[in-house]
C-alpha cells in the first residue's frame, strides 16, 4: 500500500481523481518548509507545487520514492539530491499551453494601449470635462507590426508566438545568452534585446538563468520596449527593473511573478508607488490558473503518479 501525501492541496482548484492502485491519500491544504519532513514521514509519493524539498529533508525521508511536482517548474526540489537517492521527480509540461500565452497577450495589450493610464484618467474626471468626443492624453501602440522577442521557446513560448503572429507581430526567438553560435530559426540574444518592441520570458529558473535580465540587458532594450515575465521572478534582477521603470530605461513591464512568493508586505515589487505606475502591471502568479488549465494539470499529475507506480515513469526530470 503506497502512501501519497499532497502537501499543498489548496494550490490546485480541480477535481483530482484518485490513482487507480491501492494507496493511502493524505492531503494538507498548505505546508510550510518546517513541516515537510514530519508530513512526509512514511510516504512513498509526495505531491508538491512550491514548498521546498531540499537535500536535508530528503535525507530524513528514507521511504520517499517519487516527488510528483504539480507544476512545470522544479526549482523547489533539489534534483541532484533526488538523483543521488534514486527518487523519481516528474513535472507537468504543457498543461498551460493556452492560459499562459493568453495572459502574456493580455499584459501586452493592456500596456501597449495604456489601459491603466486611461482608467486613472477617467477616475480623475478628464473625459467628463473634455471639449471633444475623445482624449489623447496617453499614447496607444498597436501590436501589429511590432517585434516580439521570445526568451525561451518551449510549449509556452511557442504558444505566445502563435498568438503574437495572429496579431501581426514579428517574432524573434533569442539564442541562449552567451552562446557562441546561433541556431537556425534563432537570433543572437543581444540582437533581440536591441530590436524587440516587447520581450517575453519563458525560461526556467536555474543557476544559468538567475538574473538573466539585469541592468545591462534592460539598458540595451529600446526605451519604449515592454518586458513581460510569466516565468519566474528570479530570472529578472528586480532592483534593476524597478530602477528601469522609475528612470525610464524601458517603456513598461508586465509581471506575474516575483522572487519570493507569497511576497512579504515590504517586498519592493509591491511598493504602492511602483504599483501605481501606469506602465507596470503585476498579477499574483495566476497566468497558469484558468480552471481548464488547472483541471488538465490535475489529470496529468495523476497520470504521472500512475505511470510511476506501473514502473514506467514519464515526464521525468530526475
C-alpha atoms as a PDB file:
ATOM      1  CA  UNK A   1       0.000   0.000   0.000  1.00  0.00           C
ATOM      2  CA  UNK A   2       1.590   3.259  -1.153  1.00  0.00           C
ATOM      3  CA  UNK A   3       1.169   6.377   0.944  1.00  0.00           C
ATOM      4  CA  UNK A   4       0.630   9.516  -1.141  1.00  0.00           C
ATOM      5  CA  UNK A   5       0.898  12.901   0.578  1.00  0.00           C
ATOM      6  CA  UNK A   6      -0.403  16.031  -1.119  1.00  0.00           C
ATOM      7  CA  UNK A   7       1.423  18.895   0.603  1.00  0.00           C
ATOM      8  CA  UNK A   8      -0.412  21.836  -0.980  1.00  0.00           C
ATOM      9  CA  UNK A   9      -3.998  20.884  -1.768  1.00  0.00           C
ATOM     10  CA  UNK A  10      -5.179  24.489  -1.844  1.00  0.00           C
ATOM     11  CA  UNK A  11      -2.779  25.278  -4.707  1.00  0.00           C
ATOM     12  CA  UNK A  12      -4.996  23.365  -7.133  1.00  0.00           C
ATOM     13  CA  UNK A  13      -8.700  24.063  -7.738  1.00  0.00           C
ATOM     14  CA  UNK A  14      -9.761  20.988  -9.687  1.00  0.00           C
ATOM     15  CA  UNK A  15     -11.390  17.586  -9.474  1.00  0.00           C
ATOM     16  CA  UNK A  16      -8.375  15.474  -8.577  1.00  0.00           C
ATOM     17  CA  UNK A  17      -9.142  11.832  -9.228  1.00  0.00           C
ATOM     18  CA  UNK A  18      -7.510   9.218  -7.032  1.00  0.00           C
ATOM     19  CA  UNK A  19      -4.906   6.888  -8.555  1.00  0.00           C
ATOM     20  CA  UNK A  20      -6.126   3.502  -9.754  1.00  0.00           C
ATOM     21  CA  UNK A  21      -3.935   1.433  -7.418  1.00  0.00           C
ATOM     22  CA  UNK A  22      -4.088   0.639  -3.714  1.00  0.00           C
ATOM     23  CA  UNK A  23      -2.970   3.647  -1.715  1.00  0.00           C
ATOM     24  CA  UNK A  24      -3.488   5.891   1.274  1.00  0.00           C
ATOM     25  CA  UNK A  25      -4.138   9.516   0.317  1.00  0.00           C
ATOM     26  CA  UNK A  26      -3.287  12.227   2.838  1.00  0.00           C
ATOM     27  CA  UNK A  27      -3.885  15.841   1.893  1.00  0.00           C
ATOM     28  CA  UNK A  28      -2.865  19.068   3.587  1.00  0.00           C
ATOM     29  CA  UNK A  29      -4.259  22.430   2.434  1.00  0.00           C
ATOM     30  CA  UNK A  30      -0.820  24.033   2.698  1.00  0.00           C
ATOM     31  CA  UNK A  31       2.591  23.117   4.075  1.00  0.00           C
ATOM     32  CA  UNK A  32       5.453  25.275   5.309  1.00  0.00           C
ATOM     33  CA  UNK A  33       9.110  24.331   4.855  1.00  0.00           C
ATOM     34  CA  UNK A  34       9.437  23.334   8.508  1.00  0.00           C
ATOM     35  CA  UNK A  35       6.539  20.871   8.154  1.00  0.00           C
ATOM     36  CA  UNK A  36       7.780  18.952   5.123  1.00  0.00           C
ATOM     37  CA  UNK A  37       9.667  16.167   6.908  1.00  0.00           C
ATOM     38  CA  UNK A  38       7.055  15.397   9.543  1.00  0.00           C
ATOM     39  CA  UNK A  39       4.287  15.248   6.955  1.00  0.00           C
ATOM     40  CA  UNK A  40       6.219  13.071   4.508  1.00  0.00           C
ATOM     41  CA  UNK A  41       7.459  10.503   7.039  1.00  0.00           C
ATOM     42  CA  UNK A  42       6.400   7.087   5.744  1.00  0.00           C
ATOM     43  CA  UNK A  43       5.235   8.485   2.404  1.00  0.00           C
ATOM     44  CA  UNK A  44       6.393   6.851  -0.812  1.00  0.00           C
ATOM     45  CA  UNK A  45       4.962   9.590  -3.076  1.00  0.00           C
ATOM     46  CA  UNK A  46       4.912  13.315  -2.360  1.00  0.00           C
ATOM     47  CA  UNK A  47       2.901  15.871  -4.320  1.00  0.00           C
ATOM     48  CA  UNK A  48       4.418  19.334  -4.141  1.00  0.00           C
ATOM     49  CA  UNK A  49       3.908  22.568  -6.012  1.00  0.00           C
ATOM     50  CA  UNK A  50       6.122  25.279  -4.497  1.00  0.00           C
ATOM     51  CA  UNK A  51       7.108  24.164  -0.987  1.00  0.00           C
ATOM     52  CA  UNK A  52      10.872  23.495  -0.927  1.00  0.00           C
ATOM     53  CA  UNK A  53      12.074  19.902  -0.632  1.00  0.00           C
ATOM     54  CA  UNK A  54      15.813  20.170  -0.085  1.00  0.00           C
ATOM     55  CA  UNK A  55      18.640  17.709   0.487  1.00  0.00           C
ATOM     56  CA  UNK A  56      18.280  17.839   4.270  1.00  0.00           C
ATOM     57  CA  UNK A  57      14.594  16.927   4.053  1.00  0.00           C
ATOM     58  CA  UNK A  58      15.276  14.130   1.575  1.00  0.00           C
ATOM     59  CA  UNK A  59      17.929  12.650   3.893  1.00  0.00           C
ATOM     60  CA  UNK A  60      15.272  12.308   6.594  1.00  0.00           C
ATOM     61  CA  UNK A  61      12.759  10.556   4.311  1.00  0.00           C
ATOM     62  CA  UNK A  62      14.051   7.030   3.556  1.00  0.00           C
ATOM     63  CA  UNK A  63      10.678   5.790   2.253  1.00  0.00           C
ATOM     64  CA  UNK A  64      10.237   8.517  -0.339  1.00  0.00           C
ATOM     65  CA  UNK A  65      10.363   7.152  -3.901  1.00  0.00           C
ATOM     66  CA  UNK A  66       8.736   9.852  -6.001  1.00  0.00           C
ATOM     67  CA  UNK A  67       8.048  13.570  -5.956  1.00  0.00           C
ATOM     68  CA  UNK A  68       5.176  14.477  -8.263  1.00  0.00           C
ATOM     69  CA  UNK A  69       5.514  18.211  -8.899  1.00  0.00           C
ATOM     70  CA  UNK A  70       2.121  19.768  -9.618  1.00  0.00           C
ATOM     71  CA  UNK A  71       3.701  22.402 -11.863  1.00  0.00           C
ATOM     72  CA  UNK A  72       6.189  22.715 -14.701  1.00  0.00           C
ATOM     73  CA  UNK A  73       8.974  24.394 -12.735  1.00  0.00           C
ATOM     74  CA  UNK A  74      11.018  22.182 -10.400  1.00  0.00           C
ATOM     75  CA  UNK A  75      13.323  24.744  -8.788  1.00  0.00           C
ATOM     76  CA  UNK A  76      11.710  23.996  -5.393  1.00  0.00           C
ATOM     77  CA  UNK A  77      13.154  20.454  -5.422  1.00  0.00           C
ATOM     78  CA  UNK A  78      16.835  19.520  -5.020  1.00  0.00           C
ATOM     79  CA  UNK A  79      17.089  17.441  -8.183  1.00  0.00           C
ATOM     80  CA  UNK A  80      20.717  16.422  -7.606  1.00  0.00           C
ATOM     81  CA  UNK A  81      19.873  15.051  -4.175  1.00  0.00           C
ATOM     82  CA  UNK A  82      16.921  13.168  -5.651  1.00  0.00           C
ATOM     83  CA  UNK A  83      19.123  11.608  -8.315  1.00  0.00           C
ATOM     84  CA  UNK A  84      21.654  10.582  -5.685  1.00  0.00           C
ATOM     85  CA  UNK A  85      18.918   8.848  -3.685  1.00  0.00           C
ATOM     86  CA  UNK A  86      17.116   7.332  -6.655  1.00  0.00           C
ATOM     87  CA  UNK A  87      13.985   9.410  -6.087  1.00  0.00           C
ATOM     88  CA  UNK A  88      11.979   9.965  -9.253  1.00  0.00           C
ATOM     89  CA  UNK A  89      10.842  13.543  -9.877  1.00  0.00           C
ATOM     90  CA  UNK A  90       8.177  14.198 -12.516  1.00  0.00           C
ATOM     91  CA  UNK A  91       6.757  17.537 -13.568  1.00  0.00           C
ATOM     92  CA  UNK A  92       3.844  18.594 -15.771  1.00  0.00           C
ATOM     93  CA  UNK A  93       4.847  20.304 -19.002  1.00  0.00           C
ATOM     94  CA  UNK A  94       2.378  21.697 -21.476  1.00  0.00           C
ATOM     95  CA  UNK A  95      -0.749  21.971 -19.333  1.00  0.00           C
ATOM     96  CA  UNK A  96      -0.755  25.797 -19.538  1.00  0.00           C
ATOM     97  CA  UNK A  97      -0.197  25.981 -23.293  1.00  0.00           C
ATOM     98  CA  UNK A  98      -3.258  28.207 -23.758  1.00  0.00           C
ATOM     99  CA  UNK A  99      -3.722  30.074 -20.490  1.00  0.00           C
ATOM    100  CA  UNK A 100      -0.183  31.471 -20.065  1.00  0.00           C
ATOM    101  CA  UNK A 101       0.087  32.754 -23.656  1.00  0.00           C
ATOM    102  CA  UNK A 102      -3.315  34.422 -23.284  1.00  0.00           C
ATOM    103  CA  UNK A 103      -2.110  36.115 -20.095  1.00  0.00           C
ATOM    104  CA  UNK A 104       1.028  37.311 -21.877  1.00  0.00           C
ATOM    105  CA  UNK A 105      -1.046  38.839 -24.668  1.00  0.00           C
ATOM    106  CA  UNK A 106      -3.388  40.411 -22.117  1.00  0.00           C
ATOM    107  CA  UNK A 107      -0.420  42.126 -20.451  1.00  0.00           C
ATOM    108  CA  UNK A 108       0.983  43.203 -23.814  1.00  0.00           C
ATOM    109  CA  UNK A 109      -2.335  44.654 -24.923  1.00  0.00           C
ATOM    110  CA  UNK A 110      -3.003  46.426 -21.641  1.00  0.00           C
ATOM    111  CA  UNK A 111       0.433  48.042 -21.640  1.00  0.00           C
ATOM    112  CA  UNK A 112       0.513  48.847 -25.348  1.00  0.00           C
ATOM    113  CA  UNK A 113      -2.884  50.502 -25.212  1.00  0.00           C
ATOM    114  CA  UNK A 114      -2.211  52.197 -21.863  1.00  0.00           C
ATOM    115  CA  UNK A 115      -5.370  50.806 -20.250  1.00  0.00           C
ATOM    116  CA  UNK A 116      -4.258  51.539 -16.685  1.00  0.00           C
ATOM    117  CA  UNK A 117      -3.461  55.164 -17.535  1.00  0.00           C
ATOM    118  CA  UNK A 118      -6.821  55.583 -19.258  1.00  0.00           C
ATOM    119  CA  UNK A 119      -8.600  54.185 -16.211  1.00  0.00           C
ATOM    120  CA  UNK A 120      -6.821  56.698 -13.995  1.00  0.00           C
ATOM    121  CA  UNK A 121      -7.735  59.492 -16.406  1.00  0.00           C
ATOM    122  CA  UNK A 122     -11.410  58.558 -16.243  1.00  0.00           C
ATOM    123  CA  UNK A 123     -11.362  58.325 -12.467  1.00  0.00           C
ATOM    124  CA  UNK A 124      -9.906  61.847 -12.421  1.00  0.00           C
ATOM    125  CA  UNK A 125     -12.867  63.068 -14.495  1.00  0.00           C
ATOM    126  CA  UNK A 126     -10.867  64.220 -17.535  1.00  0.00           C
ATOM    127  CA  UNK A 127     -13.266  62.811 -20.142  1.00  0.00           C
ATOM    128  CA  UNK A 128     -16.213  64.409 -18.403  1.00  0.00           C
ATOM    129  CA  UNK A 129     -14.503  67.797 -18.751  1.00  0.00           C
ATOM    130  CA  UNK A 130     -13.381  67.262 -22.355  1.00  0.00           C
ATOM    131  CA  UNK A 131     -14.467  69.579 -25.167  1.00  0.00           C
ATOM    132  CA  UNK A 132     -14.493  66.824 -27.805  1.00  0.00           C
ATOM    133  CA  UNK A 133     -15.596  63.207 -28.039  1.00  0.00           C
ATOM    134  CA  UNK A 134     -12.235  61.594 -27.140  1.00  0.00           C
ATOM    135  CA  UNK A 135      -8.963  62.220 -25.347  1.00  0.00           C
ATOM    136  CA  UNK A 136      -5.327  61.990 -26.469  1.00  0.00           C
ATOM    137  CA  UNK A 137      -3.678  62.059 -23.044  1.00  0.00           C
ATOM    138  CA  UNK A 138      -1.801  58.759 -23.393  1.00  0.00           C
ATOM    139  CA  UNK A 139      -0.096  57.142 -26.388  1.00  0.00           C
ATOM    140  CA  UNK A 140      -1.588  53.987 -27.861  1.00  0.00           C
ATOM    141  CA  UNK A 141       0.520  51.488 -29.758  1.00  0.00           C
ATOM    142  CA  UNK A 142      -0.584  48.576 -31.922  1.00  0.00           C
ATOM    143  CA  UNK A 143       0.839  45.099 -31.583  1.00  0.00           C
ATOM    144  CA  UNK A 144       0.525  44.751 -35.338  1.00  0.00           C
ATOM    145  CA  UNK A 145       3.911  45.379 -36.929  1.00  0.00           C
ATOM    146  CA  UNK A 146       5.788  45.306 -33.614  1.00  0.00           C
ATOM    147  CA  UNK A 147       8.655  42.899 -32.921  1.00  0.00           C
ATOM    148  CA  UNK A 148       8.313  40.401 -30.075  1.00  0.00           C
ATOM    149  CA  UNK A 149      11.441  38.781 -28.666  1.00  0.00           C
ATOM    150  CA  UNK A 150      10.988  35.393 -27.012  1.00  0.00           C
ATOM    151  CA  UNK A 151      13.496  34.162 -24.457  1.00  0.00           C
ATOM    152  CA  UNK A 152      12.588  30.503 -24.079  1.00  0.00           C
ATOM    153  CA  UNK A 153      10.880  28.657 -26.912  1.00  0.00           C
ATOM    154  CA  UNK A 154       9.224  25.661 -25.336  1.00  0.00           C
ATOM    155  CA  UNK A 155       5.492  24.973 -25.252  1.00  0.00           C
ATOM    156  CA  UNK A 156       4.645  28.327 -23.663  1.00  0.00           C
ATOM    157  CA  UNK A 157       6.985  30.411 -25.778  1.00  0.00           C
ATOM    158  CA  UNK A 158       5.657  28.768 -28.930  1.00  0.00           C
ATOM    159  CA  UNK A 159       2.098  29.382 -27.748  1.00  0.00           C
ATOM    160  CA  UNK A 160       2.873  33.064 -27.307  1.00  0.00           C
ATOM    161  CA  UNK A 161       4.451  33.123 -30.770  1.00  0.00           C
ATOM    162  CA  UNK A 162       1.271  31.763 -32.371  1.00  0.00           C
ATOM    163  CA  UNK A 163      -0.916  34.395 -30.722  1.00  0.00           C
ATOM    164  CA  UNK A 164       1.561  37.195 -31.413  1.00  0.00           C
ATOM    165  CA  UNK A 165       1.766  36.274 -35.082  1.00  0.00           C
ATOM    166  CA  UNK A 166      -2.035  36.257 -35.251  1.00  0.00           C
ATOM    167  CA  UNK A 167      -1.878  39.895 -34.119  1.00  0.00           C
ATOM    168  CA  UNK A 168       0.607  40.646 -36.887  1.00  0.00           C
ATOM    169  CA  UNK A 169       3.717  40.791 -34.719  1.00  0.00           C
ATOM    170  CA  UNK A 170       7.157  39.748 -35.945  1.00  0.00           C
ATOM    171  CA  UNK A 171       8.553  37.084 -33.623  1.00  0.00           C
ATOM    172  CA  UNK A 172      12.261  36.683 -32.896  1.00  0.00           C
ATOM    173  CA  UNK A 173      13.423  33.728 -30.807  1.00  0.00           C
ATOM    174  CA  UNK A 174      16.507  34.580 -28.780  1.00  0.00           C
ATOM    175  CA  UNK A 175      19.534  32.313 -28.757  1.00  0.00           C
ATOM    176  CA  UNK A 176      20.920  31.490 -25.321  1.00  0.00           C
ATOM    177  CA  UNK A 177      22.769  34.332 -23.641  1.00  0.00           C
ATOM    178  CA  UNK A 178      26.494  33.997 -24.241  1.00  0.00           C
ATOM    179  CA  UNK A 179      26.146  31.369 -26.971  1.00  0.00           C
ATOM    180  CA  UNK A 180      28.984  31.343 -29.484  1.00  0.00           C
ATOM    181  CA  UNK A 181      26.791  30.067 -32.326  1.00  0.00           C
ATOM    182  CA  UNK A 182      23.230  30.879 -33.314  1.00  0.00           C
ATOM    183  CA  UNK A 183      20.875  28.029 -34.201  1.00  0.00           C
ATOM    184  CA  UNK A 184      18.729  28.122 -37.301  1.00  0.00           C
ATOM    185  CA  UNK A 185      15.498  29.959 -36.563  1.00  0.00           C
ATOM    186  CA  UNK A 186      17.044  31.905 -33.680  1.00  0.00           C
ATOM    187  CA  UNK A 187      18.527  35.392 -33.332  1.00  0.00           C
ATOM    188  CA  UNK A 188      21.507  36.368 -31.213  1.00  0.00           C
ATOM    189  CA  UNK A 189      20.498  37.316 -27.665  1.00  0.00           C
ATOM    190  CA  UNK A 190      21.936  40.833 -27.891  1.00  0.00           C
ATOM    191  CA  UNK A 191      20.183  41.480 -31.204  1.00  0.00           C
ATOM    192  CA  UNK A 192      16.830  40.505 -29.748  1.00  0.00           C
ATOM    193  CA  UNK A 193      17.323  42.857 -26.811  1.00  0.00           C
ATOM    194  CA  UNK A 194      18.177  45.740 -29.144  1.00  0.00           C
ATOM    195  CA  UNK A 195      15.469  45.142 -31.764  1.00  0.00           C
ATOM    196  CA  UNK A 196      12.409  43.974 -29.836  1.00  0.00           C
ATOM    197  CA  UNK A 197       9.464  46.217 -29.039  1.00  0.00           C
ATOM    198  CA  UNK A 198       8.487  43.682 -26.399  1.00  0.00           C
ATOM    199  CA  UNK A 199      10.272  40.747 -24.758  1.00  0.00           C
ATOM    200  CA  UNK A 200       8.530  37.807 -23.135  1.00  0.00           C
ATOM    201  CA  UNK A 201      10.361  35.412 -20.792  1.00  0.00           C
ATOM    202  CA  UNK A 202       9.624  31.675 -20.822  1.00  0.00           C
ATOM    203  CA  UNK A 203      12.703  30.029 -19.345  1.00  0.00           C
ATOM    204  CA  UNK A 204      13.042  28.012 -16.129  1.00  0.00           C
ATOM    205  CA  UNK A 205      14.859  29.418 -13.118  1.00  0.00           C
ATOM    206  CA  UNK A 206      18.290  27.796 -12.957  1.00  0.00           C
ATOM    207  CA  UNK A 207      21.766  28.890 -11.937  1.00  0.00           C
ATOM    208  CA  UNK A 208      22.288  29.980 -15.545  1.00  0.00           C
ATOM    209  CA  UNK A 209      19.079  31.999 -15.842  1.00  0.00           C
ATOM    210  CA  UNK A 210      19.048  33.712 -12.447  1.00  0.00           C
ATOM    211  CA  UNK A 211      19.167  37.479 -13.102  1.00  0.00           C
ATOM    212  CA  UNK A 212      19.295  36.729 -16.820  1.00  0.00           C
ATOM    213  CA  UNK A 213      17.819  40.181 -17.320  1.00  0.00           C
ATOM    214  CA  UNK A 214      19.746  42.713 -15.273  1.00  0.00           C
ATOM    215  CA  UNK A 215      20.821  46.328 -15.640  1.00  0.00           C
ATOM    216  CA  UNK A 216      22.964  45.770 -18.770  1.00  0.00           C
ATOM    217  CA  UNK A 217      20.144  43.954 -20.552  1.00  0.00           C
ATOM    218  CA  UNK A 218      17.497  46.487 -19.537  1.00  0.00           C
ATOM    219  CA  UNK A 219      19.670  49.351 -20.733  1.00  0.00           C
ATOM    220  CA  UNK A 220      20.236  47.512 -24.017  1.00  0.00           C
ATOM    221  CA  UNK A 221      16.493  47.417 -24.724  1.00  0.00           C
ATOM    222  CA  UNK A 222      14.597  50.152 -26.541  1.00  0.00           C
ATOM    223  CA  UNK A 223      13.381  52.897 -24.242  1.00  0.00           C
ATOM    224  CA  UNK A 224       9.880  52.127 -25.492  1.00  0.00           C
ATOM    225  CA  UNK A 225      10.162  48.331 -25.069  1.00  0.00           C
ATOM    226  CA  UNK A 226       7.944  46.237 -22.824  1.00  0.00           C
ATOM    227  CA  UNK A 227       9.207  43.354 -20.658  1.00  0.00           C
ATOM    228  CA  UNK A 228       6.792  40.512 -19.830  1.00  0.00           C
ATOM    229  CA  UNK A 229       7.678  37.886 -17.229  1.00  0.00           C
ATOM    230  CA  UNK A 230       5.356  34.950 -16.591  1.00  0.00           C
ATOM    231  CA  UNK A 231       8.287  32.581 -15.908  1.00  0.00           C
ATOM    232  CA  UNK A 232       9.978  33.004 -12.507  1.00  0.00           C
ATOM    233  CA  UNK A 233      10.761  36.151 -10.564  1.00  0.00           C
ATOM    234  CA  UNK A 234      14.445  35.349 -10.200  1.00  0.00           C
ATOM    235  CA  UNK A 235      15.021  35.475 -13.948  1.00  0.00           C
ATOM    236  CA  UNK A 236      14.973  39.288 -13.655  1.00  0.00           C
ATOM    237  CA  UNK A 237      17.039  41.435 -11.318  1.00  0.00           C
ATOM    238  CA  UNK A 238      14.155  43.126  -9.538  1.00  0.00           C
ATOM    239  CA  UNK A 239      16.178  46.060  -8.205  1.00  0.00           C
ATOM    240  CA  UNK A 240      17.344  46.844 -11.738  1.00  0.00           C
ATOM    241  CA  UNK A 241      13.800  46.504 -13.088  1.00  0.00           C
ATOM    242  CA  UNK A 242      12.438  48.949 -10.515  1.00  0.00           C
ATOM    243  CA  UNK A 243      15.089  51.497 -11.461  1.00  0.00           C
ATOM    244  CA  UNK A 244      14.357  50.891 -15.152  1.00  0.00           C
ATOM    245  CA  UNK A 245      10.680  51.664 -14.650  1.00  0.00           C
ATOM    246  CA  UNK A 246      11.229  54.699 -12.469  1.00  0.00           C
ATOM    247  CA  UNK A 247      14.022  56.158 -14.596  1.00  0.00           C
ATOM    248  CA  UNK A 248      12.567  55.310 -17.989  1.00  0.00           C
ATOM    249  CA  UNK A 249      15.128  52.823 -19.308  1.00  0.00           C
ATOM    250  CA  UNK A 250      12.246  50.798 -20.802  1.00  0.00           C
ATOM    251  CA  UNK A 251       8.650  51.552 -21.709  1.00  0.00           C
ATOM    252  CA  UNK A 252       6.948  49.266 -19.226  1.00  0.00           C
ATOM    253  CA  UNK A 253       6.674  45.812 -17.707  1.00  0.00           C
ATOM    254  CA  UNK A 254       4.032  43.181 -17.036  1.00  0.00           C
ATOM    255  CA  UNK A 255       4.938  40.579 -14.402  1.00  0.00           C
ATOM    256  CA  UNK A 256       3.097  37.591 -12.958  1.00  0.00           C
ATOM    257  CA  UNK A 257       5.928  36.516 -10.657  1.00  0.00           C
ATOM    258  CA  UNK A 258       8.315  37.880  -8.026  1.00  0.00           C
ATOM    259  CA  UNK A 259      11.371  36.384  -6.356  1.00  0.00           C
ATOM    260  CA  UNK A 260       9.635  35.484  -3.084  1.00  0.00           C
ATOM    261  CA  UNK A 261       6.102  34.044  -3.208  1.00  0.00           C
ATOM    262  CA  UNK A 262       3.967  34.853  -1.404  1.00  0.00           C
ATOM    263  CA  UNK A 263       5.813  38.159  -1.088  1.00  0.00           C
ATOM    264  CA  UNK A 264       6.340  39.810   2.301  1.00  0.00           C
ATOM    265  CA  UNK A 265       4.483  43.047   2.896  1.00  0.00           C
ATOM    266  CA  UNK A 266       7.664  45.043   2.306  1.00  0.00           C
ATOM    267  CA  UNK A 267       8.617  43.336  -0.955  1.00  0.00           C
ATOM    268  CA  UNK A 268       9.907  46.093  -3.279  1.00  0.00           C
ATOM    269  CA  UNK A 269       7.837  44.879  -6.219  1.00  0.00           C
ATOM    270  CA  UNK A 270       4.698  45.603  -4.190  1.00  0.00           C
ATOM    271  CA  UNK A 271       5.659  49.129  -3.243  1.00  0.00           C
ATOM    272  CA  UNK A 272       2.425  51.129  -3.704  1.00  0.00           C
ATOM    273  CA  UNK A 273       4.335  53.813  -5.604  1.00  0.00           C
ATOM    274  CA  UNK A 274       5.551  51.185  -8.072  1.00  0.00           C
ATOM    275  CA  UNK A 275       2.132  49.552  -8.428  1.00  0.00           C
ATOM    276  CA  UNK A 276       0.651  52.989  -9.133  1.00  0.00           C
ATOM    277  CA  UNK A 277       2.815  53.436 -12.224  1.00  0.00           C
ATOM    278  CA  UNK A 278       0.628  53.188 -15.349  1.00  0.00           C
ATOM    279  CA  UNK A 279       3.351  51.283 -17.211  1.00  0.00           C
ATOM    280  CA  UNK A 280       3.709  48.471 -14.668  1.00  0.00           C
ATOM    281  CA  UNK A 281       1.268  45.598 -14.201  1.00  0.00           C
ATOM    282  CA  UNK A 282       1.732  42.869 -11.594  1.00  0.00           C
ATOM    283  CA  UNK A 283      -0.535  39.858 -11.135  1.00  0.00           C
ATOM    284  CA  UNK A 284      -0.175  37.299  -8.292  1.00  0.00           C
ATOM    285  CA  UNK A 285       1.217  34.264 -10.181  1.00  0.00           C
ATOM    286  CA  UNK A 286      -2.104  33.456 -11.850  1.00  0.00           C
ATOM    287  CA  UNK A 287      -1.161  33.246 -15.538  1.00  0.00           C
ATOM    288  CA  UNK A 288      -1.353  29.442 -15.264  1.00  0.00           C
ATOM    289  CA  UNK A 289      -4.534  29.312 -13.223  1.00  0.00           C
ATOM    290  CA  UNK A 290      -7.522  29.173 -15.550  1.00  0.00           C
ATOM    291  CA  UNK A 291      -9.947  26.453 -14.451  1.00  0.00           C
ATOM    292  CA  UNK A 292      -9.446  24.365 -17.636  1.00  0.00           C
ATOM    293  CA  UNK A 293      -5.663  24.535 -17.184  1.00  0.00           C
ATOM    294  CA  UNK A 294      -5.852  23.509 -13.536  1.00  0.00           C
ATOM    295  CA  UNK A 295      -8.056  20.552 -14.388  1.00  0.00           C
ATOM    296  CA  UNK A 296      -5.635  19.440 -17.080  1.00  0.00           C
ATOM    297  CA  UNK A 297      -2.790  19.794 -14.585  1.00  0.00           C
ATOM    298  CA  UNK A 298      -4.670  17.624 -12.078  1.00  0.00           C
ATOM    299  CA  UNK A 299      -5.315  14.927 -14.674  1.00  0.00           C
ATOM    300  CA  UNK A 300      -1.682  14.880 -15.812  1.00  0.00           C
ATOM    301  CA  UNK A 301      -0.485  14.837 -12.205  1.00  0.00           C
ATOM    302  CA  UNK A 302      -2.297  11.578 -11.524  1.00  0.00           C
ATOM    303  CA  UNK A 303      -1.177  10.206 -14.893  1.00  0.00           C
ATOM    304  CA  UNK A 304       2.418  10.776 -13.765  1.00  0.00           C
ATOM    305  CA  UNK A 305       1.816   9.021 -10.458  1.00  0.00           C
ATOM    306  CA  UNK A 306       0.108   6.046 -12.096  1.00  0.00           C
ATOM    307  CA  UNK A 307       2.893   5.735 -14.673  1.00  0.00           C
ATOM    308  CA  UNK A 308       5.475   5.691 -11.870  1.00  0.00           C
ATOM    309  CA  UNK A 309       3.534   3.054  -9.943  1.00  0.00           C
ATOM    310  CA  UNK A 310       3.379   0.940 -13.107  1.00  0.00           C
ATOM    311  CA  UNK A 311       7.155   1.098 -13.421  1.00  0.00           C
ATOM    312  CA  UNK A 312       7.105   3.392 -16.455  1.00  0.00           C
ATOM    313  CA  UNK A 313       7.786   6.928 -15.173  1.00  0.00           C
ATOM    314  CA  UNK A 314       7.036   9.747 -17.576  1.00  0.00           C
ATOM    315  CA  UNK A 315       7.750  13.467 -17.615  1.00  0.00           C
ATOM    316  CA  UNK A 316      10.758  12.592 -15.500  1.00  0.00           C
ATOM    317  CA  UNK A 317      13.212  15.384 -14.685  1.00  0.00           C
ATOM    318  CA  UNK A 318      15.242  13.393 -12.133  1.00  0.00           C
END
